[in-house]
């Protein structure tokens, strides 16, 4: 299932979410969320953040997002030397 989603363009997305603790609004807490999502709109993350704002008491402060494709084209490098083995 995850492999087929990666073929469709989903990327491993990590979000660092800073939020205010409900009982101590001056204190920030960190939550790390990670899932496969489609960049640059991030619909899965957007649904999660909408759920957070609707259901969780901690008010969001900021969200930092990083995304990377897991399936990439093969990388190769040219070499300056050629050696023959007998």
Protein backbone atom coordinates (compact mmCIF):
# COMPACT_ATOMS: atom_id res chain seq x y z
CA UNK A 1 0.00 0.00 0.00
CA UNK A 2 2.71 2.52 0.98
CA UNK A 3 4.80 1.60 -2.07
CA UNK A 4 1.91 2.29 -4.44
CA UNK A 5 1.33 5.66 -2.75
CA UNK A 6 5.01 6.52 -3.24
CA UNK A 7 4.70 5.70 -6.95
CA UNK A 8 1.75 8.13 -7.07
CA UNK A 9 3.98 10.93 -5.77
CA UNK A 10 3.50 10.73 -2.02
CA UNK A 11 6.58 11.75 -0.04
CA UNK A 12 7.68 11.11 3.51
CA UNK A 13 6.58 14.25 5.34
CA UNK A 14 7.61 15.26 8.84
CA UNK A 15 5.99 18.15 10.71
CA UNK A 16 7.33 19.65 13.91
CA UNK A 17 4.30 21.15 15.64
CA UNK A 18 4.75 23.67 18.45
CA UNK A 19 1.67 24.25 20.56
CA UNK A 20 0.71 26.03 23.77
CA UNK A 21 0.02 23.75 26.71
CA UNK A 22 -3.64 24.15 27.76
CA UNK A 23 -2.91 24.54 31.50
CA UNK A 24 0.17 26.75 30.97
CA UNK A 25 -0.34 28.87 27.83
CA UNK A 26 3.10 30.50 28.13
CA UNK A 27 4.79 27.09 27.78
CA UNK A 28 5.35 25.56 24.34
CA UNK A 29 5.37 21.82 23.75
CA UNK A 30 6.63 19.95 20.68
CA UNK A 31 4.81 17.22 18.79
CA UNK A 32 6.39 15.43 15.80
CA UNK A 33 4.04 14.08 13.12
CA UNK A 34 5.20 11.87 10.25
CA UNK A 35 3.25 10.33 7.37
CA UNK A 36 3.19 9.99 3.58
CA UNK A 37 1.74 13.11 1.97
CA UNK A 38 1.59 15.00 -1.33
CA UNK A 39 3.79 18.10 -1.57
CA UNK A 40 3.29 21.05 -1.84
CA UNK A 41 -0.35 21.10 -0.68
CA UNK A 42 0.00 18.42 2.03
CA UNK A 43 -3.67 17.31 2.22
CA UNK A 44 -3.01 14.63 4.88
CA UNK A 45 -1.20 17.10 7.14
CA UNK A 46 -3.90 19.72 6.54
CA UNK A 47 -6.60 17.26 7.67
CA UNK A 48 -4.57 16.41 10.77
CA UNK A 49 -4.10 20.09 11.65
CA UNK A 50 -7.83 20.75 11.12
CA UNK A 51 -8.55 17.84 13.50
CA UNK A 52 -6.05 19.30 16.00
CA UNK A 53 -7.71 22.72 15.97
CA UNK A 54 -11.18 21.18 16.29
CA UNK A 55 -10.52 18.49 18.92
CA UNK A 56 -7.35 19.28 20.91
CA UNK A 57 -7.15 22.01 23.54
CA UNK A 58 -3.54 23.04 22.88
CA UNK A 59 -3.54 26.09 20.59
CA UNK A 60 -1.13 25.78 17.65
CA UNK A 61 1.87 28.11 17.71
CA UNK A 62 3.77 27.04 14.58
CA UNK A 63 4.30 24.13 12.19
CA UNK A 64 7.59 23.39 10.43
CA UNK A 65 7.43 20.91 7.54
CA UNK A 66 10.11 18.81 5.84
CA UNK A 67 9.46 16.46 2.95
CA UNK A 68 11.60 13.99 1.02
CA UNK A 69 10.91 11.53 -1.74
CA UNK A 70 11.74 8.00 -0.70
CA UNK A 71 11.84 6.63 -4.22
CA UNK A 72 14.40 8.59 -6.22
CA UNK A 73 16.11 8.14 -9.56
CA UNK A 74 19.35 6.21 -9.36
CA UNK A 75 22.37 8.35 -8.69
CA UNK A 76 25.67 7.66 -10.39
CA UNK A 77 29.02 9.40 -10.64
CA UNK A 78 31.66 9.38 -13.33
CA UNK A 79 35.14 8.32 -12.34
CA UNK A 80 38.45 9.81 -13.39
CA UNK A 81 40.31 6.48 -13.36
CA UNK A 82 39.86 3.23 -15.18
CA UNK A 83 41.59 0.05 -14.04
CA UNK A 84 41.67 -3.34 -15.69
CA UNK A 85 41.85 -6.57 -13.74
CA UNK A 86 43.34 -9.66 -15.39
